[in-house]
C-alpha cells in the first residue's frame, strides 16, 4: 500500500509538506504543491480521509440513517438525492448507514456514524421510539436531526412534514369536486406518514356524512403492484365509490391500471389521486393529481441546522396541491 511517506520520497519533500498540501494549507509554494500532486499521480496514493479527520478532529461528512424497509420508491430516492446535493453544496460528503429493520440496528447505525466523526447525522427512523431518539440527541457529541417525525422535547432537532395537513388539503380538494364516497389505499404499516394521511381521510369523510368507512379502505405496501391489487379488491368488494385516494403516487398509478383493465375511465368514471408528486405521475396518462411533498426543503433545513448556517425556523412543513388530469368533478 502506498503511503504518504512514499509520496514525500517521490516528490523530494518532507512528509509534513505532503500533509500540508493535502490539508489545503496555503503555506506551501505553488511549485512544491505541483511536485506533490505529480508524485500522488505517479504513486497512485489515496489519502485516508477518516484518519485525517480523526487526527484533526474535523469532519467533512454528514451521516444519514434509514431503515432498509423504505429504500424503494420515489420518496426515498428523492430524499437521498437531496441529502447528497445539499451536503455537497456545503463542501461536505454524505455517508449512509443502514438502519436495517429494528430500533437496535437504527441506534447502532447512529453510533457508527458518531464514531466516524461525522459533523452531524440525519435520522429517518422507523423503529426507534421518540424517547430513544430524544435520549440520543441529548447524549450525542454531534448534532442529530430527526427527519419526518415530530419531537415534543427537542423540537429544535427535528424537521418534519405535516402529513395530516397534507391529507386534509387533498381531501378538501376531492370533496370540493363533489366526491363523497372516496376510497383509500393505505401504505405498509407502521408508517407515521400513512397514519396521518389516513386519519385526515377518515376525519374529513366522517365530517362529510359518509357511512361505512371501513368498506372504503384497502391495504397496500407502497408499490405500484400493491395499488393495482388494492384497487381490484375495492372493485370486487362491491363498495360504491367515485374516487380513490392512495397514500403515495406509486399505488395511485397501480390503481389506475386496475381501473382501466376493468373498463373504467379515469377520471370520467373514477377519479384517482396520490401523494408525493413522483415524476412519473407527470408523464402518466392521465397525469396524476397529487400532493407535492417538500422533501427538498426538509433536507435543506436539516443540513443547514447541522452546520449552523441558518436560523432554526419552523420544524413543520406542509405540502402543496398539484392538480392534473386524474381527478374531475362528480
C-alpha atoms as a PDB file:
ATOM      1  CA  UNK A   1       0.000   0.000   0.000  1.00  0.00           C
ATOM      2  CA  UNK A   2       1.306   3.407  -0.981  1.00  0.00           C
ATOM      3  CA  UNK A   3       1.834   5.721   1.991  1.00  0.00           C
ATOM      4  CA  UNK A   4       2.285   9.450   2.452  1.00  0.00           C
ATOM      5  CA  UNK A   5       5.977   8.801   3.054  1.00  0.00           C
ATOM      6  CA  UNK A   6       6.242   7.180  -0.408  1.00  0.00           C
ATOM      7  CA  UNK A   7       4.722  10.332  -1.925  1.00  0.00           C
ATOM      8  CA  UNK A   8       7.167  12.518   0.001  1.00  0.00           C
ATOM      9  CA  UNK A   9      10.161  10.500  -1.241  1.00  0.00           C
ATOM     10  CA  UNK A  10       8.888  10.615  -4.829  1.00  0.00           C
ATOM     11  CA  UNK A  11       8.387  14.387  -4.669  1.00  0.00           C
ATOM     12  CA  UNK A  12      11.634  15.032  -2.802  1.00  0.00           C
ATOM     13  CA  UNK A  13       9.886  16.789   0.085  1.00  0.00           C
ATOM     14  CA  UNK A  14       9.107  16.034   3.710  1.00  0.00           C
ATOM     15  CA  UNK A  15       6.083  14.045   4.857  1.00  0.00           C
ATOM     16  CA  UNK A  16       4.785  17.127   6.692  1.00  0.00           C
ATOM     17  CA  UNK A  17       4.854  19.081   3.423  1.00  0.00           C
ATOM     18  CA  UNK A  18       2.711  16.421   1.750  1.00  0.00           C
ATOM     19  CA  UNK A  19       0.323  16.611   4.702  1.00  0.00           C
ATOM     20  CA  UNK A  20       0.042  20.399   4.402  1.00  0.00           C
ATOM     21  CA  UNK A  21      -0.728  20.120   0.681  1.00  0.00           C
ATOM     22  CA  UNK A  22      -3.445  17.505   1.289  1.00  0.00           C
ATOM     23  CA  UNK A  23      -4.989  19.619   4.042  1.00  0.00           C
ATOM     24  CA  UNK A  24      -5.174  22.658   1.767  1.00  0.00           C
ATOM     25  CA  UNK A  25      -2.686  24.763   3.693  1.00  0.00           C
ATOM     26  CA  UNK A  26      -1.575  27.849   1.762  1.00  0.00           C
ATOM     27  CA  UNK A  27       1.901  27.925   3.302  1.00  0.00           C
ATOM     28  CA  UNK A  28       3.275  25.598   0.582  1.00  0.00           C
ATOM     29  CA  UNK A  29       4.793  27.226  -2.517  1.00  0.00           C
ATOM     30  CA  UNK A  30       2.957  26.540  -5.777  1.00  0.00           C
ATOM     31  CA  UNK A  31       5.901  24.782  -7.408  1.00  0.00           C
ATOM     32  CA  UNK A  32       6.246  22.453  -4.395  1.00  0.00           C
ATOM     33  CA  UNK A  33       2.495  21.797  -4.431  1.00  0.00           C
ATOM     34  CA  UNK A  34       2.767  20.803  -8.111  1.00  0.00           C
ATOM     35  CA  UNK A  35       5.556  18.338  -7.257  1.00  0.00           C
ATOM     36  CA  UNK A  36       3.409  16.735  -4.578  1.00  0.00           C
ATOM     37  CA  UNK A  37       0.380  16.345  -6.880  1.00  0.00           C
ATOM     38  CA  UNK A  38       2.624  14.870  -9.569  1.00  0.00           C
ATOM     39  CA  UNK A  39       4.008  12.364  -7.058  1.00  0.00           C
ATOM     40  CA  UNK A  40       0.489  11.443  -5.924  1.00  0.00           C
ATOM     41  CA  UNK A  41      -0.480  10.709  -9.531  1.00  0.00           C
ATOM     42  CA  UNK A  42       2.669   8.654 -10.159  1.00  0.00           C
ATOM     43  CA  UNK A  43       2.398   6.582  -6.980  1.00  0.00           C
ATOM     44  CA  UNK A  44      -1.386   6.148  -7.032  1.00  0.00           C
ATOM     45  CA  UNK A  45      -1.645   7.333  -3.437  1.00  0.00           C
ATOM     46  CA  UNK A  46      -5.135   7.627  -1.951  1.00  0.00           C
ATOM     47  CA  UNK A  47      -5.435   9.731   1.232  1.00  0.00           C
ATOM     48  CA  UNK A  48      -7.090   8.114   4.259  1.00  0.00           C
ATOM     49  CA  UNK A  49      -9.794  10.724   4.836  1.00  0.00           C
ATOM     50  CA  UNK A  50     -11.048   9.112   8.048  1.00  0.00           C
ATOM     51  CA  UNK A  51      -7.556   9.089   9.549  1.00  0.00           C
ATOM     52  CA  UNK A  52      -7.151  12.764   8.685  1.00  0.00           C
ATOM     53  CA  UNK A  53     -10.442  13.616  10.341  1.00  0.00           C
ATOM     54  CA  UNK A  54      -9.588  11.626  13.461  1.00  0.00           C
ATOM     55  CA  UNK A  55      -6.279  13.478  13.677  1.00  0.00           C
ATOM     56  CA  UNK A  56      -7.691  16.962  13.093  1.00  0.00           C
ATOM     57  CA  UNK A  57     -10.998  16.335  14.942  1.00  0.00           C
ATOM     58  CA  UNK A  58     -12.725  17.981  11.979  1.00  0.00           C
ATOM     59  CA  UNK A  59     -15.163  16.316   9.630  1.00  0.00           C
ATOM     60  CA  UNK A  60     -16.400  16.949   6.140  1.00  0.00           C
ATOM     61  CA  UNK A  61     -19.010  14.173   6.361  1.00  0.00           C
ATOM     62  CA  UNK A  62     -22.701  14.267   7.233  1.00  0.00           C
ATOM     63  CA  UNK A  63     -24.402  10.981   8.061  1.00  0.00           C
ATOM     64  CA  UNK A  64     -27.818   9.648   7.080  1.00  0.00           C
ATOM     65  CA  UNK A  65     -29.565   6.697   8.750  1.00  0.00           C
ATOM     66  CA  UNK A  66     -32.596   4.969   7.209  1.00  0.00           C
ATOM     67  CA  UNK A  67     -34.114   1.545   7.679  1.00  0.00           C
ATOM     68  CA  UNK A  68     -33.799  -0.609   4.560  1.00  0.00           C
ATOM     69  CA  UNK A  69     -37.559  -1.234   4.533  1.00  0.00           C
ATOM     70  CA  UNK A  70     -38.046   2.147   2.881  1.00  0.00           C
ATOM     71  CA  UNK A  71     -35.266   2.307   0.281  1.00  0.00           C
ATOM     72  CA  UNK A  72     -37.525   1.511  -2.658  1.00  0.00           C
ATOM     73  CA  UNK A  73     -39.709   4.210  -4.221  1.00  0.00           C
ATOM     74  CA  UNK A  74     -39.508   7.821  -5.411  1.00  0.00           C
ATOM     75  CA  UNK A  75     -39.970   9.423  -1.973  1.00  0.00           C
ATOM     76  CA  UNK A  76     -36.781   7.985  -0.571  1.00  0.00           C
ATOM     77  CA  UNK A  77     -34.708   8.247  -3.740  1.00  0.00           C
ATOM     78  CA  UNK A  78     -35.610  11.944  -3.749  1.00  0.00           C
ATOM     79  CA  UNK A  79     -34.652  12.190  -0.080  1.00  0.00           C
ATOM     80  CA  UNK A  80     -31.210  10.627  -0.618  1.00  0.00           C
ATOM     81  CA  UNK A  81     -30.577  12.671  -3.770  1.00  0.00           C
ATOM     82  CA  UNK A  82     -31.287  15.938  -1.948  1.00  0.00           C
ATOM     83  CA  UNK A  83     -29.235  14.872   1.065  1.00  0.00           C
ATOM     84  CA  UNK A  84     -26.220  14.319  -1.197  1.00  0.00           C
ATOM     85  CA  UNK A  85     -26.879  17.567  -3.095  1.00  0.00           C
ATOM     86  CA  UNK A  86     -27.082  19.830  -0.060  1.00  0.00           C
ATOM     87  CA  UNK A  87     -24.113  18.173   1.642  1.00  0.00           C
ATOM     88  CA  UNK A  88     -22.062  18.852  -1.488  1.00  0.00           C
ATOM     89  CA  UNK A  89     -23.237  22.466  -1.614  1.00  0.00           C
ATOM     90  CA  UNK A  90     -21.748  22.925   1.853  1.00  0.00           C
ATOM     91  CA  UNK A  91     -18.496  21.122   0.925  1.00  0.00           C
ATOM     92  CA  UNK A  92     -19.467  18.004   2.853  1.00  0.00           C
ATOM     93  CA  UNK A  93     -19.870  14.401   1.778  1.00  0.00           C
ATOM     94  CA  UNK A  94     -22.941  12.293   2.542  1.00  0.00           C
ATOM     95  CA  UNK A  95     -22.219   8.974   4.252  1.00  0.00           C
ATOM     96  CA  UNK A  96     -25.025   6.445   4.587  1.00  0.00           C
ATOM     97  CA  UNK A  97     -25.625   3.845   7.306  1.00  0.00           C
ATOM     98  CA  UNK A  98     -28.261   1.131   7.028  1.00  0.00           C
ATOM     99  CA  UNK A  99     -30.711   1.122   9.933  1.00  0.00           C
ATOM    100  CA  UNK A 100     -31.899  -2.345   8.869  1.00  0.00           C
ATOM    101  CA  UNK A 101     -35.176  -3.469  10.485  1.00  0.00           C
ATOM    102  CA  UNK A 102     -35.130  -2.745  14.207  1.00  0.00           C
ATOM    103  CA  UNK A 103     -34.624   0.018  16.760  1.00  0.00           C
ATOM    104  CA  UNK A 104     -31.399  -1.661  17.885  1.00  0.00           C
ATOM    105  CA  UNK A 105     -29.964  -1.562  14.359  1.00  0.00           C
ATOM    106  CA  UNK A 106     -31.034   2.053  13.841  1.00  0.00           C
ATOM    107  CA  UNK A 107     -29.293   3.027  17.075  1.00  0.00           C
ATOM    108  CA  UNK A 108     -26.196   1.030  16.063  1.00  0.00           C
ATOM    109  CA  UNK A 109     -26.131   2.877  12.733  1.00  0.00           C
ATOM    110  CA  UNK A 110     -26.265   6.242  14.504  1.00  0.00           C
ATOM    111  CA  UNK A 111     -23.466   5.151  16.836  1.00  0.00           C
ATOM    112  CA  UNK A 112     -21.388   4.045  13.824  1.00  0.00           C
ATOM    113  CA  UNK A 113     -21.695   7.491  12.216  1.00  0.00           C
ATOM    114  CA  UNK A 114     -20.792   9.198  15.504  1.00  0.00           C
ATOM    115  CA  UNK A 115     -17.637   7.065  15.669  1.00  0.00           C
ATOM    116  CA  UNK A 116     -16.919   8.004  12.045  1.00  0.00           C
ATOM    117  CA  UNK A 117     -16.658  11.606  13.298  1.00  0.00           C
ATOM    118  CA  UNK A 118     -19.465  12.939  11.129  1.00  0.00           C
ATOM    119  CA  UNK A 119     -20.169  16.635  11.501  1.00  0.00           C
ATOM    120  CA  UNK A 120     -23.797  15.722  12.116  1.00  0.00           C
ATOM    121  CA  UNK A 121     -26.343  12.989  11.453  1.00  0.00           C
ATOM    122  CA  UNK A 122     -29.783  12.966   9.830  1.00  0.00           C
ATOM    123  CA  UNK A 123     -32.036  10.123  11.006  1.00  0.00           C
ATOM    124  CA  UNK A 124     -35.137   8.834   9.223  1.00  0.00           C
ATOM    125  CA  UNK A 125     -36.240   6.442  11.956  1.00  0.00           C
ATOM    126  CA  UNK A 126     -38.917   3.813  11.530  1.00  0.00           C
ATOM    127  CA  UNK A 127     -38.469   1.697  14.678  1.00  0.00           C
ATOM    128  CA  UNK A 128     -36.701   3.852  17.284  1.00  0.00           C
ATOM    129  CA  UNK A 129     -39.095   5.453  19.778  1.00  0.00           C
ATOM    130  CA  UNK A 130     -39.383   9.184  20.358  1.00  0.00           C
ATOM    131  CA  UNK A 131     -37.950   8.785  23.873  1.00  0.00           C
ATOM    132  CA  UNK A 132     -34.943   6.885  22.493  1.00  0.00           C
ATOM    133  CA  UNK A 133     -34.362   9.496  19.789  1.00  0.00           C
ATOM    134  CA  UNK A 134     -34.506  12.338  22.294  1.00  0.00           C
ATOM    135  CA  UNK A 135     -32.014  10.495  24.507  1.00  0.00           C
ATOM    136  CA  UNK A 136     -29.673  10.041  21.518  1.00  0.00           C
ATOM    137  CA  UNK A 137     -29.919  13.748  20.685  1.00  0.00           C
ATOM    138  CA  UNK A 138     -29.079  14.656  24.293  1.00  0.00           C
ATOM    139  CA  UNK A 139     -26.075  12.316  24.524  1.00  0.00           C
ATOM    140  CA  UNK A 140     -24.609  12.734  21.038  1.00  0.00           C
ATOM    141  CA  UNK A 141     -21.369  14.748  20.696  1.00  0.00           C
ATOM    142  CA  UNK A 142     -22.537  15.917  17.237  1.00  0.00           C
ATOM    143  CA  UNK A 143     -25.866  17.408  16.083  1.00  0.00           C
ATOM    144  CA  UNK A 144     -28.536  14.799  15.325  1.00  0.00           C
ATOM    145  CA  UNK A 145     -31.517  15.889  13.210  1.00  0.00           C
ATOM    146  CA  UNK A 146     -34.636  13.706  13.126  1.00  0.00           C
ATOM    147  CA  UNK A 147     -36.411  13.728   9.763  1.00  0.00           C
ATOM    148  CA  UNK A 148     -40.146  13.466   9.161  1.00  0.00           C
ATOM    149  CA  UNK A 149     -41.059  12.876  12.806  1.00  0.00           C
ATOM    150  CA  UNK A 150     -42.302  15.389  15.370  1.00  0.00           C
ATOM    151  CA  UNK A 151     -40.445  15.547  18.688  1.00  0.00           C
ATOM    152  CA  UNK A 152     -42.027  17.069  21.791  1.00  0.00           C
ATOM    153  CA  UNK A 153     -38.950  17.574  23.988  1.00  0.00           C
ATOM    154  CA  UNK A 154     -36.417  18.662  21.313  1.00  0.00           C
ATOM    155  CA  UNK A 155     -38.356  20.445  18.541  1.00  0.00           C
ATOM    156  CA  UNK A 156     -35.108  22.199  17.565  1.00  0.00           C
ATOM    157  CA  UNK A 157     -33.716  18.839  16.462  1.00  0.00           C
ATOM    158  CA  UNK A 158     -36.393  17.747  14.046  1.00  0.00           C
ATOM    159  CA  UNK A 159     -37.735  18.752  10.653  1.00  0.00           C
ATOM    160  CA  UNK A 160     -40.960  17.059   9.713  1.00  0.00           C
ATOM    161  CA  UNK A 161     -43.673  17.159   7.071  1.00  0.00           C
ATOM    162  CA  UNK A 162     -47.196  17.681   8.377  1.00  0.00           C
ATOM    163  CA  UNK A 163     -48.782  14.711   6.612  1.00  0.00           C
ATOM    164  CA  UNK A 164     -52.105  15.186   8.393  1.00  0.00           C
ATOM    165  CA  UNK A 165     -52.428  18.694   6.969  1.00  0.00           C
ATOM    166  CA  UNK A 166     -51.407  17.329   3.573  1.00  0.00           C
ATOM    167  CA  UNK A 167     -54.167  14.735   3.824  1.00  0.00           C
ATOM    168  CA  UNK A 168     -56.648  17.477   4.684  1.00  0.00           C
ATOM    169  CA  UNK A 169     -55.595  19.509   1.643  1.00  0.00           C
ATOM    170  CA  UNK A 170     -56.095  16.550  -0.677  1.00  0.00           C
ATOM    171  CA  UNK A 171     -59.439  15.577   0.867  1.00  0.00           C
ATOM    172  CA  UNK A 172     -60.697  19.163   0.744  1.00  0.00           C
ATOM    173  CA  UNK A 173     -59.957  19.223  -2.969  1.00  0.00           C
ATOM    174  CA  UNK A 174     -61.708  15.894  -3.666  1.00  0.00           C
ATOM    175  CA  UNK A 175     -64.729  16.953  -1.632  1.00  0.00           C
ATOM    176  CA  UNK A 176     -64.832  20.291  -3.464  1.00  0.00           C
ATOM    177  CA  UNK A 177     -65.120  18.323  -6.697  1.00  0.00           C
ATOM    178  CA  UNK A 178     -68.296  16.696  -5.403  1.00  0.00           C
ATOM    179  CA  UNK A 179     -66.851  13.337  -4.300  1.00  0.00           C
ATOM    180  CA  UNK A 180     -68.478  11.937  -1.156  1.00  0.00           C
ATOM    181  CA  UNK A 181     -67.513   8.266  -1.454  1.00  0.00           C
ATOM    182  CA  UNK A 182     -63.709   8.323  -1.506  1.00  0.00           C
ATOM    183  CA  UNK A 183     -61.833   5.033  -1.111  1.00  0.00           C
ATOM    184  CA  UNK A 184     -58.375   4.978   0.479  1.00  0.00           C
ATOM    185  CA  UNK A 185     -55.394   2.725  -0.275  1.00  0.00           C
ATOM    186  CA  UNK A 186     -53.020   2.783   2.656  1.00  0.00           C
ATOM    187  CA  UNK A 187     -49.310   2.024   2.749  1.00  0.00           C
ATOM    188  CA  UNK A 188     -47.464  -0.607   4.734  1.00  0.00           C
ATOM    189  CA  UNK A 189     -47.817  -0.169   8.480  1.00  0.00           C
ATOM    190  CA  UNK A 190     -46.404   1.108  10.749  1.00  0.00           C
ATOM    191  CA  UNK A 191     -45.815   4.394   8.959  1.00  0.00           C
ATOM    192  CA  UNK A 192     -46.188   7.863  10.521  1.00  0.00           C
ATOM    193  CA  UNK A 193     -46.923   9.432   7.131  1.00  0.00           C
ATOM    194  CA  UNK A 194     -49.621   6.878   6.283  1.00  0.00           C
ATOM    195  CA  UNK A 195     -51.135   7.065   9.770  1.00  0.00           C
ATOM    196  CA  UNK A 196     -51.514  10.844   9.479  1.00  0.00           C
ATOM    197  CA  UNK A 197     -52.853  10.762   5.905  1.00  0.00           C
ATOM    198  CA  UNK A 198     -55.325   8.006   6.723  1.00  0.00           C
ATOM    199  CA  UNK A 199     -56.559   9.878   9.792  1.00  0.00           C
ATOM    200  CA  UNK A 200     -57.153  13.016   7.712  1.00  0.00           C
ATOM    201  CA  UNK A 201     -59.063  10.938   5.133  1.00  0.00           C
ATOM    202  CA  UNK A 202     -61.198   9.382   7.857  1.00  0.00           C
ATOM    203  CA  UNK A 203     -61.884  12.664   9.660  1.00  0.00           C
ATOM    204  CA  UNK A 204     -62.881  14.518   6.504  1.00  0.00           C
ATOM    205  CA  UNK A 205     -65.005  11.663   5.198  1.00  0.00           C
ATOM    206  CA  UNK A 206     -66.800  11.308   8.531  1.00  0.00           C
ATOM    207  CA  UNK A 207     -67.447  15.061   8.713  1.00  0.00           C
ATOM    208  CA  UNK A 208     -68.966  14.930   5.220  1.00  0.00           C
ATOM    209  CA  UNK A 209     -71.527  12.373   6.391  1.00  0.00           C
ATOM    210  CA  UNK A 210     -70.098   9.268   4.733  1.00  0.00           C
ATOM    211  CA  UNK A 211     -71.112   5.971   6.355  1.00  0.00           C
ATOM    212  CA  UNK A 212     -69.457   2.505   6.373  1.00  0.00           C
ATOM    213  CA  UNK A 213     -65.980   3.992   6.009  1.00  0.00           C
ATOM    214  CA  UNK A 214     -64.297   0.648   6.779  1.00  0.00           C
ATOM    215  CA  UNK A 215     -65.617  -0.720   3.467  1.00  0.00           C
ATOM    216  CA  UNK A 216     -63.705   2.001   1.606  1.00  0.00           C
ATOM    217  CA  UNK A 217     -60.195   1.129   2.764  1.00  0.00           C
ATOM    218  CA  UNK A 218     -57.751  -1.299   1.125  1.00  0.00           C
ATOM    219  CA  UNK A 219     -54.242  -2.364   2.119  1.00  0.00           C
ATOM    220  CA  UNK A 220     -51.164  -1.648   0.014  1.00  0.00           C
ATOM    221  CA  UNK A 221     -47.421  -1.715   0.655  1.00  0.00           C
ATOM    222  CA  UNK A 222     -46.360   1.465  -1.241  1.00  0.00           C
ATOM    223  CA  UNK A 223     -45.642  -0.377  -4.528  1.00  0.00           C
ATOM    224  CA  UNK A 224     -47.496   0.005  -7.845  1.00  0.00           C
ATOM    225  CA  UNK A 225     -48.367  -3.688  -7.758  1.00  0.00           C
ATOM    226  CA  UNK A 226     -49.998  -3.333  -4.339  1.00  0.00           C
ATOM    227  CA  UNK A 227     -52.010  -0.332  -5.554  1.00  0.00           C
ATOM    228  CA  UNK A 228     -53.157  -2.412  -8.510  1.00  0.00           C
ATOM    229  CA  UNK A 229     -54.215  -5.275  -6.228  1.00  0.00           C
ATOM    230  CA  UNK A 230     -55.873  -2.944  -3.697  1.00  0.00           C
ATOM    231  CA  UNK A 231     -57.978  -1.306  -6.411  1.00  0.00           C
ATOM    232  CA  UNK A 232     -59.034  -4.744  -7.648  1.00  0.00           C
ATOM    233  CA  UNK A 233     -60.045  -5.663  -4.093  1.00  0.00           C
ATOM    234  CA  UNK A 234     -62.109  -2.481  -3.769  1.00  0.00           C
ATOM    235  CA  UNK A 235     -63.897  -3.188  -7.036  1.00  0.00           C
ATOM    236  CA  UNK A 236     -64.505  -6.833  -6.112  1.00  0.00           C
ATOM    237  CA  UNK A 237     -65.938  -5.816  -2.722  1.00  0.00           C
ATOM    238  CA  UNK A 238     -68.901  -4.131  -4.376  1.00  0.00           C
ATOM    239  CA  UNK A 239     -68.380  -0.928  -2.347  1.00  0.00           C
ATOM    240  CA  UNK A 240     -69.602   2.210  -4.074  1.00  0.00           C
ATOM    241  CA  UNK A 241     -67.050   4.994  -4.564  1.00  0.00           C
ATOM    242  CA  UNK A 242     -66.342   7.764  -7.055  1.00  0.00           C
ATOM    243  CA  UNK A 243     -62.700   8.441  -6.184  1.00  0.00           C
ATOM    244  CA  UNK A 244     -59.620   6.657  -4.864  1.00  0.00           C
ATOM    245  CA  UNK A 245     -57.016   8.398  -2.726  1.00  0.00           C
ATOM    246  CA  UNK A 246     -53.794   6.401  -2.422  1.00  0.00           C
ATOM    247  CA  UNK A 247     -51.193   7.049   0.276  1.00  0.00           C
ATOM    248  CA  UNK A 248     -48.498   7.525  -2.391  1.00  0.00           C
ATOM    249  CA  UNK A 249     -48.266   8.059  -6.139  1.00  0.00           C
ATOM    250  CA  UNK A 250     -46.957   4.574  -6.957  1.00  0.00           C
ATOM    251  CA  UNK A 251     -50.073   2.947  -5.506  1.00  0.00           C
ATOM    252  CA  UNK A 252     -52.282   5.529  -7.246  1.00  0.00           C
ATOM    253  CA  UNK A 253     -50.753   4.630 -10.610  1.00  0.00           C
ATOM    254  CA  UNK A 254     -51.250   0.930  -9.921  1.00  0.00           C
ATOM    255  CA  UNK A 255     -54.882   1.655  -9.091  1.00  0.00           C
ATOM    256  CA  UNK A 256     -55.364   3.478 -12.408  1.00  0.00           C
ATOM    257  CA  UNK A 257     -54.129   0.418 -14.294  1.00  0.00           C
ATOM    258  CA  UNK A 258     -56.572  -1.821 -12.428  1.00  0.00           C
ATOM    259  CA  UNK A 259     -59.470   0.522 -13.161  1.00  0.00           C
ATOM    260  CA  UNK A 260     -58.633   0.693 -16.860  1.00  0.00           C
ATOM    261  CA  UNK A 261     -58.440  -3.093 -17.093  1.00  0.00           C
ATOM    262  CA  UNK A 262     -61.974  -3.272 -15.681  1.00  0.00           C
ATOM    263  CA  UNK A 263     -63.176  -0.954 -18.418  1.00  0.00           C
ATOM    264  CA  UNK A 264     -63.444   2.113 -16.201  1.00  0.00           C
ATOM    265  CA  UNK A 265     -62.268   5.516 -17.411  1.00  0.00           C
ATOM    266  CA  UNK A 266     -60.142   7.778 -15.214  1.00  0.00           C
ATOM    267  CA  UNK A 267     -61.335  10.343 -14.237  1.00  0.00           C
ATOM    268  CA  UNK A 268     -64.719  10.098 -16.015  1.00  0.00           C
ATOM    269  CA  UNK A 269     -65.841   7.035 -14.020  1.00  0.00           C
ATOM    270  CA  UNK A 270     -63.453   7.049 -11.055  1.00  0.00           C
ATOM    271  CA  UNK A 271     -61.077   9.843 -10.025  1.00  0.00           C
ATOM    272  CA  UNK A 272     -57.668   8.927  -8.579  1.00  0.00           C
ATOM    273  CA  UNK A 273     -55.157  10.977  -6.559  1.00  0.00           C
ATOM    274  CA  UNK A 274     -51.933  10.299  -4.653  1.00  0.00           C
ATOM    275  CA  UNK A 275     -49.202  11.868  -2.570  1.00  0.00           C
ATOM    276  CA  UNK A 276     -45.520  12.857  -3.040  1.00  0.00           C
ATOM    277  CA  UNK A 277     -45.556  14.238  -6.630  1.00  0.00           C
ATOM    278  CA  UNK A 278     -43.392  11.487  -8.134  1.00  0.00           C
ATOM    279  CA  UNK A 279     -42.036  12.453 -11.555  1.00  0.00           C
ATOM    280  CA  UNK A 280     -43.724   9.525 -13.292  1.00  0.00           C
ATOM    281  CA  UNK A 281     -47.134  10.960 -12.404  1.00  0.00           C
ATOM    282  CA  UNK A 282     -46.485  13.927 -14.702  1.00  0.00           C
ATOM    283  CA  UNK A 283     -45.881  11.633 -17.688  1.00  0.00           C
ATOM    284  CA  UNK A 284     -48.578   9.043 -16.980  1.00  0.00           C
ATOM    285  CA  UNK A 285     -51.935   9.091 -18.789  1.00  0.00           C
ATOM    286  CA  UNK A 286     -53.950  10.621 -17.308  1.00  0.00           C
ATOM    287  CA  UNK A 287     -51.456  12.829 -15.499  1.00  0.00           C
ATOM    288  CA  UNK A 288     -51.772  12.321 -11.759  1.00  0.00           C
ATOM    289  CA  UNK A 289     -53.293  14.783  -9.300  1.00  0.00           C
ATOM    290  CA  UNK A 290     -51.134  14.638  -6.188  1.00  0.00           C
ATOM    291  CA  UNK A 291     -49.716  16.491  -3.189  1.00  0.00           C
ATOM    292  CA  UNK A 292     -46.189  17.804  -3.634  1.00  0.00           C
ATOM    293  CA  UNK A 293     -44.253  16.798  -0.516  1.00  0.00           C
ATOM    294  CA  UNK A 294     -41.487  19.263   0.487  1.00  0.00           C
ATOM    295  CA  UNK A 295     -38.694  16.689   0.794  1.00  0.00           C
ATOM    296  CA  UNK A 296     -36.077  19.025  -0.667  1.00  0.00           C
ATOM    297  CA  UNK A 297     -36.917  21.763   1.820  1.00  0.00           C
ATOM    298  CA  UNK A 298     -36.833  19.290   4.723  1.00  0.00           C
ATOM    299  CA  UNK A 299     -33.332  18.080   3.851  1.00  0.00           C
ATOM    300  CA  UNK A 300     -32.042  21.574   3.102  1.00  0.00           C
ATOM    301  CA  UNK A 301     -33.106  22.766   6.549  1.00  0.00           C
ATOM    302  CA  UNK A 302     -31.689  19.696   8.276  1.00  0.00           C
ATOM    303  CA  UNK A 303     -28.248  20.136   6.682  1.00  0.00           C
ATOM    304  CA  UNK A 304     -28.275  23.871   7.437  1.00  0.00           C
ATOM    305  CA  UNK A 305     -29.100  23.244  11.094  1.00  0.00           C
ATOM    306  CA  UNK A 306     -26.387  20.624  11.444  1.00  0.00           C
ATOM    307  CA  UNK A 307     -23.824  23.070  10.093  1.00  0.00           C
ATOM    308  CA  UNK A 308     -25.365  26.006  11.970  1.00  0.00           C
ATOM    309  CA  UNK A 309     -25.666  28.131   8.828  1.00  0.00           C
ATOM    310  CA  UNK A 310     -29.357  29.057   9.138  1.00  0.00           C
ATOM    311  CA  UNK A 311     -31.910  30.228  11.671  1.00  0.00           C
ATOM    312  CA  UNK A 312     -33.968  27.402  13.207  1.00  0.00           C
ATOM    313  CA  UNK A 313     -37.287  28.401  11.565  1.00  0.00           C
ATOM    314  CA  UNK A 314     -40.386  26.218  11.708  1.00  0.00           C
ATOM    315  CA  UNK A 315     -39.990  22.475  12.197  1.00  0.00           C
ATOM    316  CA  UNK A 316     -43.221  21.627  10.350  1.00  0.00           C
ATOM    317  CA  UNK A 317     -43.504  21.757   6.553  1.00  0.00           C
ATOM    318  CA  UNK A 318     -46.709  21.453   4.540  1.00  0.00           C
ATOM    319  CA  UNK A 319     -47.126  20.086   1.017  1.00  0.00           C
ATOM    320  CA  UNK A 320     -48.975  21.774  -1.836  1.00  0.00           C
ATOM    321  CA  UNK A 321     -51.722  20.527  -4.128  1.00  0.00           C
ATOM    322  CA  UNK A 322     -50.822  19.663  -7.743  1.00  0.00           C
ATOM    323  CA  UNK A 323     -53.970  19.492  -9.875  1.00  0.00           C
ATOM    324  CA  UNK A 324     -53.700  17.411 -13.037  1.00  0.00           C
ATOM    325  CA  UNK A 325     -55.987  15.219 -15.160  1.00  0.00           C
ATOM    326  CA  UNK A 326     -56.777  12.214 -12.937  1.00  0.00           C
ATOM    327  CA  UNK A 327     -59.480  13.983 -10.887  1.00  0.00           C
ATOM    328  CA  UNK A 328     -62.661  15.508 -12.288  1.00  0.00           C
ATOM    329  CA  UNK A 329     -65.856  16.879 -10.811  1.00  0.00           C
ATOM    330  CA  UNK A 330     -68.501  14.349  -9.843  1.00  0.00           C
END
